[in-house]
PDB file of N, CA and C in Angstrom:
ATOM      1  N   MET A   1     -14.758  13.550 -16.191  1.00  0.00           N
ATOM      2  CA  MET A   1     -14.158  12.535 -15.330  1.00  0.00           C
ATOM      3  C   MET A   1     -15.208  12.093 -14.322  1.00  0.00           C
ATOM      4  N   ARG A   2     -15.332  10.788 -14.156  1.00  0.00           N
ATOM      5  CA  ARG A   2     -16.292  10.228 -13.214  1.00  0.00           C
ATOM      6  C   ARG A   2     -15.566   9.703 -11.980  1.00  0.00           C
ATOM      7  N   ILE A   3     -16.278   9.600 -10.858  1.00  0.00           N
ATOM      8  CA  ILE A   3     -15.705   9.146  -9.591  1.00  0.00           C
ATOM      9  C   ILE A   3     -16.355   7.819  -9.221  1.00  0.00           C
ATOM     10  N   PHE A   4     -15.522   6.802  -9.018  1.00  0.00           N
ATOM     11  CA  PHE A   4     -15.996   5.490  -8.596  1.00  0.00           C
ATOM     12  C   PHE A   4     -15.372   5.156  -7.247  1.00  0.00           C
ATOM     13  N   GLN A   5     -16.185   4.748  -6.299  1.00  0.00           N
ATOM     14  CA  GLN A   5     -15.673   4.240  -5.036  1.00  0.00           C
ATOM     15  C   GLN A   5     -15.584   2.732  -5.206  1.00  0.00           C
ATOM     16  N   MET A   6     -14.377   2.180  -5.057  1.00  0.00           N
ATOM     17  CA  MET A   6     -14.163   0.762  -5.312  1.00  0.00           C
ATOM     18  C   MET A   6     -13.424   0.141  -4.138  1.00  0.00           C
ATOM     19  N   ARG A   7     -13.749  -1.120  -3.866  1.00  0.00           N
ATOM     20  CA  ARG A   7     -13.042  -1.872  -2.829  1.00  0.00           C
ATOM     21  C   ARG A   7     -13.161  -3.355  -3.115  1.00  0.00           C
ATOM     22  N   ASP A   8     -12.200  -4.089  -2.579  1.00  0.00           N
ATOM     23  CA  ASP A   8     -12.303  -5.542  -2.689  1.00  0.00           C
ATOM     24  C   ASP A   8     -13.073  -6.039  -1.470  1.00  0.00           C
ATOM     25  N   LEU A   9     -13.172  -7.333  -1.295  1.00  0.00           N
ATOM     26  CA  LEU A   9     -13.933  -7.883  -0.181  1.00  0.00           C
ATOM     27  C   LEU A   9     -13.158  -7.832   1.135  1.00  0.00           C
ATOM     28  N   ASN A  10     -11.925  -7.356   1.081  1.00  0.00           N
ATOM     29  CA  ASN A  10     -11.114  -7.197   2.286  1.00  0.00           C
ATOM     30  C   ASN A  10     -11.022  -5.714   2.639  1.00  0.00           C
ATOM     31  N   GLU A  11      -9.832  -5.173   2.712  1.00  0.00           N
ATOM     32  CA  GLU A  11      -9.643  -3.791   3.161  1.00  0.00           C
ATOM     33  C   GLU A  11      -9.075  -2.841   2.113  1.00  0.00           C
ATOM     34  N   ILE A  12      -8.881  -3.283   0.891  1.00  0.00           N
ATOM     35  CA  ILE A  12      -8.278  -2.424  -0.127  1.00  0.00           C
ATOM     36  C   ILE A  12      -9.379  -1.590  -0.773  1.00  0.00           C
ATOM     37  N   GLU A  13      -9.231  -0.260  -0.689  1.00  0.00           N
ATOM     38  CA  GLU A  13     -10.264   0.646  -1.167  1.00  0.00           C
ATOM     39  C   GLU A  13      -9.626   1.864  -1.819  1.00  0.00           C
ATOM     40  N   ALA A  14     -10.343   2.477  -2.775  1.00  0.00           N
ATOM     41  CA  ALA A  14      -9.856   3.695  -3.428  1.00  0.00           C
ATOM     42  C   ALA A  14     -11.020   4.404  -4.102  1.00  0.00           C
ATOM     43  N   PHE A  15     -10.852   5.688  -4.288  1.00  0.00           N
ATOM     44  CA  PHE A  15     -11.715   6.451  -5.172  1.00  0.00           C
ATOM     45  C   PHE A  15     -10.985   6.491  -6.505  1.00  0.00           C
ATOM     46  N   VAL A  16     -11.630   6.004  -7.537  1.00  0.00           N
ATOM     47  CA  VAL A  16     -10.996   5.916  -8.844  1.00  0.00           C
ATOM     48  C   VAL A  16     -11.593   6.982  -9.757  1.00  0.00           C
ATOM     49  N   LEU A  17     -10.739   7.816 -10.323  1.00  0.00           N
ATOM     50  CA  LEU A  17     -11.154   8.855 -11.256  1.00  0.00           C
ATOM     51  C   LEU A  17     -10.880   8.338 -12.657  1.00  0.00           C
ATOM     52  N   ALA A  18     -11.931   8.203 -13.447  1.00  0.00           N
ATOM     53  CA  ALA A  18     -11.766   7.633 -14.784  1.00  0.00           C
ATOM     54  C   ALA A  18     -12.911   8.085 -15.682  1.00  0.00           C
ATOM     55  N   ALA A  19     -12.712   7.936 -16.972  1.00  0.00           N
ATOM     56  CA  ALA A  19     -13.712   8.342 -17.957  1.00  0.00           C
ATOM     57  C   ALA A  19     -14.939   7.439 -17.933  1.00  0.00           C
ATOM     58  N   ASP A  20     -14.748   6.149 -17.588  1.00  0.00           N
ATOM     59  CA  ASP A  20     -15.873   5.218 -17.573  1.00  0.00           C
ATOM     60  C   ASP A  20     -15.558   4.043 -16.649  1.00  0.00           C
ATOM     61  N   TYR A  21     -16.558   3.181 -16.429  1.00  0.00           N
ATOM     62  CA  TYR A  21     -16.382   2.058 -15.511  1.00  0.00           C
ATOM     63  C   TYR A  21     -15.284   1.099 -15.972  1.00  0.00           C
ATOM     64  N   ASP A  22     -15.220   0.794 -17.254  1.00  0.00           N
ATOM     65  CA  ASP A  22     -14.213  -0.156 -17.736  1.00  0.00           C
ATOM     66  C   ASP A  22     -12.805   0.316 -17.408  1.00  0.00           C
ATOM     67  N   ARG A  23     -12.539   1.584 -17.640  1.00  0.00           N
ATOM     68  CA  ARG A  23     -11.213   2.144 -17.345  1.00  0.00           C
ATOM     69  C   ARG A  23     -10.966   2.148 -15.833  1.00  0.00           C
ATOM     70  N   ALA A  24     -11.984   2.518 -15.047  1.00  0.00           N
ATOM     71  CA  ALA A  24     -11.844   2.520 -13.589  1.00  0.00           C
ATOM     72  C   ALA A  24     -11.542   1.119 -13.075  1.00  0.00           C
ATOM     73  N   SER A  25     -12.218   0.145 -13.624  1.00  0.00           N
ATOM     74  CA  SER A  25     -12.017  -1.238 -13.208  1.00  0.00           C
ATOM     75  C   SER A  25     -10.583  -1.689 -13.486  1.00  0.00           C
ATOM     76  N   LYS A  26     -10.053  -1.353 -14.641  1.00  0.00           N
ATOM     77  CA  LYS A  26      -8.669  -1.724 -14.976  1.00  0.00           C
ATOM     78  C   LYS A  26      -7.675  -1.066 -14.019  1.00  0.00           C
ATOM     79  N   LEU A  27      -7.897   0.214 -13.720  1.00  0.00           N
ATOM     80  CA  LEU A  27      -7.003   0.917 -12.800  1.00  0.00           C
ATOM     81  C   LEU A  27      -7.053   0.298 -11.410  1.00  0.00           C
ATOM     82  N   PHE A  28      -8.261  -0.033 -10.943  1.00  0.00           N
ATOM     83  CA  PHE A  28      -8.389  -0.599  -9.606  1.00  0.00           C
ATOM     84  C   PHE A  28      -7.803  -2.009  -9.542  1.00  0.00           C
ATOM     85  N   GLU A  29      -7.956  -2.784 -10.593  1.00  0.00           N
ATOM     86  CA  GLU A  29      -7.358  -4.120 -10.620  1.00  0.00           C
ATOM     87  C   GLU A  29      -5.837  -4.034 -10.486  1.00  0.00           C
ATOM     88  N   GLN A  30      -5.219  -3.070 -11.143  1.00  0.00           N
ATOM     89  CA  GLN A  30      -3.767  -2.876 -11.018  1.00  0.00           C
ATOM     90  C   GLN A  30      -3.411  -2.524  -9.575  1.00  0.00           C
ATOM     91  N   HIS A  31      -4.215  -1.661  -8.977  1.00  0.00           N
ATOM     92  CA  HIS A  31      -4.006  -1.249  -7.580  1.00  0.00           C
ATOM     93  C   HIS A  31      -4.128  -2.458  -6.649  1.00  0.00           C
ATOM     94  N   LEU A  32      -5.143  -3.279  -6.867  1.00  0.00           N
ATOM     95  CA  LEU A  32      -5.314  -4.480  -6.044  1.00  0.00           C
ATOM     96  C   LEU A  32      -4.099  -5.392  -6.130  1.00  0.00           C
ATOM     97  N   ARG A  33      -3.665  -5.667  -7.337  1.00  0.00           N
ATOM     98  CA  ARG A  33      -2.513  -6.559  -7.506  1.00  0.00           C
ATOM     99  C   ARG A  33      -1.263  -5.997  -6.825  1.00  0.00           C
ATOM    100  N   ALA A  34      -1.072  -4.692  -6.902  1.00  0.00           N
ATOM    101  CA  ALA A  34       0.099  -4.056  -6.282  1.00  0.00           C
ATOM    102  C   ALA A  34       0.053  -4.128  -4.758  1.00  0.00           C
ATOM    103  N   HIS A  35      -1.155  -4.281  -4.195  1.00  0.00           N
ATOM    104  CA  HIS A  35      -1.306  -4.310  -2.736  1.00  0.00           C
ATOM    105  C   HIS A  35      -1.728  -5.686  -2.214  1.00  0.00           C
ATOM    106  N   GLY A  36      -1.508  -6.719  -3.011  1.00  0.00           N
ATOM    107  CA  GLY A  36      -1.760  -8.072  -2.550  1.00  0.00           C
ATOM    108  C   GLY A  36      -3.196  -8.542  -2.641  1.00  0.00           C
ATOM    109  N   GLY A  37      -4.039  -7.788  -3.318  1.00  0.00           N
ATOM    110  CA  GLY A  37      -5.428  -8.194  -3.487  1.00  0.00           C
ATOM    111  C   GLY A  37      -5.614  -9.059  -4.718  1.00  0.00           C
ATOM    112  N   ASP A  38      -6.785  -9.632  -4.832  1.00  0.00           N
ATOM    113  CA  ASP A  38      -7.108 -10.504  -5.961  1.00  0.00           C
ATOM    114  C   ASP A  38      -8.406 -10.034  -6.601  1.00  0.00           C
ATOM    115  N   PRO A  39      -8.334  -9.430  -7.787  1.00  0.00           N
ATOM    116  CA  PRO A  39      -9.550  -8.926  -8.438  1.00  0.00           C
ATOM    117  C   PRO A  39     -10.557 -10.014  -8.786  1.00  0.00           C
ATOM    118  N   ASP A  40     -10.120 -11.262  -8.836  1.00  0.00           N
ATOM    119  CA  ASP A  40     -11.039 -12.358  -9.140  1.00  0.00           C
ATOM    120  C   ASP A  40     -11.932 -12.714  -7.954  1.00  0.00           C
ATOM    121  N   GLU A  41     -11.595 -12.232  -6.762  1.00  0.00           N
ATOM    122  CA  GLU A  41     -12.405 -12.513  -5.575  1.00  0.00           C
ATOM    123  C   GLU A  41     -13.616 -11.597  -5.461  1.00  0.00           C
ATOM    124  N   GLY A  42     -13.711 -10.596  -6.284  1.00  0.00           N
ATOM    125  CA  GLY A  42     -14.859  -9.705  -6.257  1.00  0.00           C
ATOM    126  C   GLY A  42     -14.477  -8.275  -5.944  1.00  0.00           C
ATOM    127  N   ILE A  43     -15.157  -7.376  -6.613  1.00  0.00           N
ATOM    128  CA  ILE A  43     -14.939  -5.944  -6.410  1.00  0.00           C
ATOM    129  C   ILE A  43     -16.300  -5.290  -6.207  1.00  0.00           C
ATOM    130  N   LEU A  44     -16.401  -4.492  -5.163  1.00  0.00           N
ATOM    131  CA  LEU A  44     -17.598  -3.704  -4.912  1.00  0.00           C
ATOM    132  C   LEU A  44     -17.343  -2.302  -5.453  1.00  0.00           C
ATOM    133  N   TYR A  45     -18.353  -1.696  -6.058  1.00  0.00           N
ATOM    134  CA  TYR A  45     -18.158  -0.344  -6.575  1.00  0.00           C
ATOM    135  C   TYR A  45     -19.483   0.406  -6.618  1.00  0.00           C
ATOM    136  N   ARG A  46     -19.353   1.710  -6.672  1.00  0.00           N
ATOM    137  CA  ARG A  46     -20.490   2.586  -6.933  1.00  0.00           C
ATOM    138  C   ARG A  46     -19.959   3.883  -7.509  1.00  0.00           C
ATOM    139  N   GLU A  47     -20.720   4.466  -8.404  1.00  0.00           N
ATOM    140  CA  GLU A  47     -20.350   5.779  -8.932  1.00  0.00           C
ATOM    141  C   GLU A  47     -20.941   6.812  -7.992  1.00  0.00           C
ATOM    142  N   ILE A  48     -20.137   7.804  -7.637  1.00  0.00           N
ATOM    143  CA  ILE A  48     -20.573   8.804  -6.664  1.00  0.00           C
ATOM    144  C   ILE A  48     -20.249  10.210  -7.157  1.00  0.00           C
ATOM    145  N   GLY A  49     -20.836  11.187  -6.494  1.00  0.00           N
ATOM    146  CA  GLY A  49     -20.526  12.592  -6.707  1.00  0.00           C
ATOM    147  C   GLY A  49     -19.807  13.146  -5.488  1.00  0.00           C
ATOM    148  N   LEU A  50     -19.196  14.296  -5.627  1.00  0.00           N
ATOM    149  CA  LEU A  50     -18.469  14.905  -4.509  1.00  0.00           C
ATOM    150  C   LEU A  50     -19.360  15.113  -3.294  1.00  0.00           C
ATOM    151  N   GLU A  51     -20.636  15.340  -3.516  1.00  0.00           N
ATOM    152  CA  GLU A  51     -21.557  15.595  -2.404  1.00  0.00           C
ATOM    153  C   GLU A  51     -21.751  14.369  -1.503  1.00  0.00           C
ATOM    154  N   HIS A  52     -21.337  13.193  -1.947  1.00  0.00           N
ATOM    155  CA  HIS A  52     -21.483  11.975  -1.160  1.00  0.00           C
ATOM    156  C   HIS A  52     -20.253  11.646  -0.314  1.00  0.00           C
ATOM    157  N   LEU A  53     -19.234  12.488  -0.379  1.00  0.00           N
ATOM    158  CA  LEU A  53     -17.987  12.225   0.345  1.00  0.00           C
ATOM    159  C   LEU A  53     -17.923  13.045   1.621  1.00  0.00           C
ATOM    160  N   ASN A  54     -17.223  12.511   2.632  1.00  0.00           N
ATOM    161  CA  ASN A  54     -16.992  13.318   3.822  1.00  0.00           C
ATOM    162  C   ASN A  54     -16.004  14.432   3.468  1.00  0.00           C
ATOM    163  N   GLU A  55     -15.811  15.367   4.363  1.00  0.00           N
ATOM    164  CA  GLU A  55     -15.038  16.574   4.044  1.00  0.00           C
ATOM    165  C   GLU A  55     -13.606  16.286   3.598  1.00  0.00           C
ATOM    166  N   SER A  56     -12.895  15.425   4.324  1.00  0.00           N
ATOM    167  CA  SER A  56     -11.498  15.181   3.946  1.00  0.00           C
ATOM    168  C   SER A  56     -11.407  14.431   2.624  1.00  0.00           C
ATOM    169  N   ALA A  57     -12.272  13.461   2.399  1.00  0.00           N
ATOM    170  CA  ALA A  57     -12.277  12.746   1.118  1.00  0.00           C
ATOM    171  C   ALA A  57     -12.666  13.690  -0.012  1.00  0.00           C
ATOM    172  N   ASN A  58     -13.636  14.538   0.236  1.00  0.00           N
ATOM    173  CA  ASN A  58     -14.078  15.501  -0.772  1.00  0.00           C
ATOM    174  C   ASN A  58     -12.926  16.404  -1.182  1.00  0.00           C
ATOM    175  N   ASP A  59     -12.187  16.914  -0.223  1.00  0.00           N
ATOM    176  CA  ASP A  59     -11.058  17.796  -0.522  1.00  0.00           C
ATOM    177  C   ASP A  59     -10.003  17.077  -1.361  1.00  0.00           C
ATOM    178  N   ALA A  60      -9.673  15.838  -0.969  1.00  0.00           N
ATOM    179  CA  ALA A  60      -8.645  15.082  -1.684  1.00  0.00           C
ATOM    180  C   ALA A  60      -9.087  14.752  -3.109  1.00  0.00           C
ATOM    181  N   VAL A  61     -10.317  14.295  -3.273  1.00  0.00           N
ATOM    182  CA  VAL A  61     -10.819  13.941  -4.604  1.00  0.00           C
ATOM    183  C   VAL A  61     -10.928  15.190  -5.472  1.00  0.00           C
ATOM    184  N   HIS A  62     -11.373  16.293  -4.888  1.00  0.00           N
ATOM    185  CA  HIS A  62     -11.491  17.544  -5.639  1.00  0.00           C
ATOM    186  C   HIS A  62     -10.122  18.000  -6.145  1.00  0.00           C
ATOM    187  N   GLU A  63      -9.102  17.925  -5.291  1.00  0.00           N
ATOM    188  CA  GLU A  63      -7.742  18.290  -5.719  1.00  0.00           C
ATOM    189  C   GLU A  63      -7.273  17.397  -6.866  1.00  0.00           C
ATOM    190  N   ALA A  64      -7.543  16.098  -6.759  1.00  0.00           N
ATOM    191  CA  ALA A  64      -7.146  15.166  -7.821  1.00  0.00           C
ATOM    192  C   ALA A  64      -7.886  15.461  -9.112  1.00  0.00           C
ATOM    193  N   LEU A  65      -9.165  15.793  -9.023  1.00  0.00           N
ATOM    194  CA  LEU A  65      -9.932  16.139 -10.218  1.00  0.00           C
ATOM    195  C   LEU A  65      -9.353  17.367 -10.911  1.00  0.00           C
ATOM    196  N   ASP A  66      -8.847  18.308 -10.115  1.00  0.00           N
ATOM    197  CA  ASP A  66      -8.242  19.520 -10.689  1.00  0.00           C
ATOM    198  C   ASP A  66      -7.015  19.198 -11.539  1.00  0.00           C
ATOM    199  N   ILE A  67      -6.323  18.110 -11.232  1.00  0.00           N
ATOM    200  CA  ILE A  67      -5.163  17.707 -12.025  1.00  0.00           C
ATOM    201  C   ILE A  67      -5.606  17.273 -13.413  1.00  0.00           C
ATOM    202  N   GLY A  68      -6.772  16.632 -13.488  1.00  0.00           N
ATOM    203  CA  GLY A  68      -7.332  16.255 -14.783  1.00  0.00           C
ATOM    204  C   GLY A  68      -6.860  14.925 -15.340  1.00  0.00           C
ATOM    205  N   TRP A  69      -6.231  14.097 -14.519  1.00  0.00           N
ATOM    206  CA  TRP A  69      -5.742  12.793 -14.971  1.00  0.00           C
ATOM    207  C   TRP A  69      -6.569  11.698 -14.331  1.00  0.00           C
ATOM    208  N   GLU A  70      -6.612  10.547 -15.004  1.00  0.00           N
ATOM    209  CA  GLU A  70      -7.201   9.373 -14.372  1.00  0.00           C
ATOM    210  C   GLU A  70      -6.256   8.884 -13.293  1.00  0.00           C
ATOM    211  N   GLY A  71      -6.809   8.276 -12.242  1.00  0.00           N
ATOM    212  CA  GLY A  71      -5.966   7.730 -11.193  1.00  0.00           C
ATOM    213  C   GLY A  71      -6.769   7.356  -9.973  1.00  0.00           C
ATOM    214  N   LEU A  72      -6.056   7.071  -8.885  1.00  0.00           N
ATOM    215  CA  LEU A  72      -6.672   6.613  -7.648  1.00  0.00           C
ATOM    216  C   LEU A  72      -6.356   7.557  -6.504  1.00  0.00           C
ATOM    217  N   VAL A  73      -7.378   7.860  -5.720  1.00  0.00           N
ATOM    218  CA  VAL A  73      -7.233   8.661  -4.515  1.00  0.00           C
ATOM    219  C   VAL A  73      -7.402   7.700  -3.340  1.00  0.00           C
ATOM    220  N   THR A  74      -6.385   7.616  -2.492  1.00  0.00           N
ATOM    221  CA  THR A  74      -6.410   6.685  -1.372  1.00  0.00           C
ATOM    222  C   THR A  74      -6.012   7.385  -0.081  1.00  0.00           C
ATOM    223  N   SER A  75      -6.387   6.770   1.026  1.00  0.00           N
ATOM    224  CA  SER A  75      -6.043   7.282   2.346  1.00  0.00           C
ATOM    225  C   SER A  75      -5.330   6.185   3.121  1.00  0.00           C
ATOM    226  N   ASP A  76      -4.297   6.569   3.871  1.00  0.00           N
ATOM    227  CA  ASP A  76      -3.601   5.576   4.685  1.00  0.00           C
ATOM    228  C   ASP A  76      -4.224   5.517   6.080  1.00  0.00           C
ATOM    229  N   ALA A  77      -3.669   4.696   6.948  1.00  0.00           N
ATOM    230  CA  ALA A  77      -4.220   4.487   8.292  1.00  0.00           C
ATOM    231  C   ALA A  77      -4.184   5.757   9.146  1.00  0.00           C
ATOM    232  N   LYS A  78      -3.322   6.692   8.798  1.00  0.00           N
ATOM    233  CA  LYS A  78      -3.217   7.950   9.548  1.00  0.00           C
ATOM    234  C   LYS A  78      -4.059   9.065   8.932  1.00  0.00           C
ATOM    235  N   GLY A  79      -4.838   8.732   7.898  1.00  0.00           N
ATOM    236  CA  GLY A  79      -5.708   9.721   7.284  1.00  0.00           C
ATOM    237  C   GLY A  79      -5.024  10.633   6.281  1.00  0.00           C
ATOM    238  N   ARG A  80      -3.835  10.265   5.838  1.00  0.00           N
ATOM    239  CA  ARG A  80      -3.138  11.063   4.822  1.00  0.00           C
ATOM    240  C   ARG A  80      -3.589  10.602   3.445  1.00  0.00           C
ATOM    241  N   TRP A  81      -3.926  11.543   2.596  1.00  0.00           N
ATOM    242  CA  TRP A  81      -4.458  11.247   1.266  1.00  0.00           C
ATOM    243  C   TRP A  81      -3.371  11.332   0.216  1.00  0.00           C
ATOM    244  N   SER A  82      -3.485  10.494  -0.810  1.00  0.00           N
ATOM    245  CA  SER A  82      -2.560  10.565  -1.936  1.00  0.00           C
ATOM    246  C   SER A  82      -3.311  10.284  -3.235  1.00  0.00           C
ATOM    247  N   PHE A  83      -2.740  10.785  -4.323  1.00  0.00           N
ATOM    248  CA  PHE A  83      -3.292  10.565  -5.652  1.00  0.00           C
ATOM    249  C   PHE A  83      -2.229   9.836  -6.456  1.00  0.00           C
ATOM    250  N   THR A  84      -2.602   8.689  -7.017  1.00  0.00           N
ATOM    251  CA  THR A  84      -1.686   7.885  -7.817  1.00  0.00           C
ATOM    252  C   THR A  84      -2.223   7.811  -9.232  1.00  0.00           C
ATOM    253  N   ALA A  85      -1.405   8.234 -10.184  1.00  0.00           N
ATOM    254  CA  ALA A  85      -1.822   8.220 -11.585  1.00  0.00           C
ATOM    255  C   ALA A  85      -0.815   7.406 -12.400  1.00  0.00           C
ATOM    256  N   PRO A  86      -1.311   6.572 -13.305  1.00  0.00           N
ATOM    257  CA  PRO A  86      -0.375   5.833 -14.157  1.00  0.00           C
ATOM    258  C   PRO A  86       0.337   6.791 -15.106  1.00  0.00           C
ATOM    259  N   LEU A  87       1.609   6.567 -15.302  1.00  0.00           N
ATOM    260  CA  LEU A  87       2.375   7.399 -16.239  1.00  0.00           C
ATOM    261  C   LEU A  87       2.286   6.797 -17.637  1.00  0.00           C
ATOM    262  N   GLY A  88       2.585   7.579 -18.594  1.00  0.00           N
ATOM    263  CA  GLY A  88       2.527   7.102 -19.977  1.00  0.00           C
ATOM    264  C   GLY A  88       1.249   7.583 -20.627  1.00  0.00           C
ATOM    265  N   CYS A  89       0.427   6.666 -21.018  1.00  0.00           N
ATOM    266  CA  CYS A  89      -0.816   6.989 -21.724  1.00  0.00           C
ATOM    267  C   CYS A  89      -1.870   7.465 -20.739  1.00  0.00           C
ATOM    268  N   ARG A  90      -1.942   8.762 -20.509  1.00  0.00           N
ATOM    269  CA  ARG A  90      -2.945   9.339 -19.605  1.00  0.00           C
ATOM    270  C   ARG A  90      -4.174   9.720 -20.401  1.00  0.00           C
ATOM    271  N   ARG A  91      -5.303   9.593 -19.747  1.00  0.00           N
ATOM    272  CA  ARG A  91      -6.570  10.053 -20.331  1.00  0.00           C
ATOM    273  C   ARG A  91      -7.066  11.190 -19.476  1.00  0.00           C
ATOM    274  N   GLY A  92      -7.755  12.109 -20.059  1.00  0.00           N
ATOM    275  CA  GLY A  92      -8.240  13.225 -19.262  1.00  0.00           C
ATOM    276  C   GLY A  92      -9.559  13.727 -19.696  1.00  0.00           C
TER     277      GLY A  92
END
């Protein structure tokens, strides 16, 4: 499982856990649409390792990786982390 840090040109951001960039991009596009973003306006991304994350992000992403599913790790304005995974056809 690879870790991609993705964001749109506004404020929508997530760490996407996926097998490859194409899958990560599809997951993030769904996330953008669900939160009022527009994937056609541009997406910034980079592939990262756990060592590049701050402590709280590292802990949240590490816990999500332990689940073994593709999905998105996000933080709200209060610093609470969540992992969102699509149901149905999961890849691991």
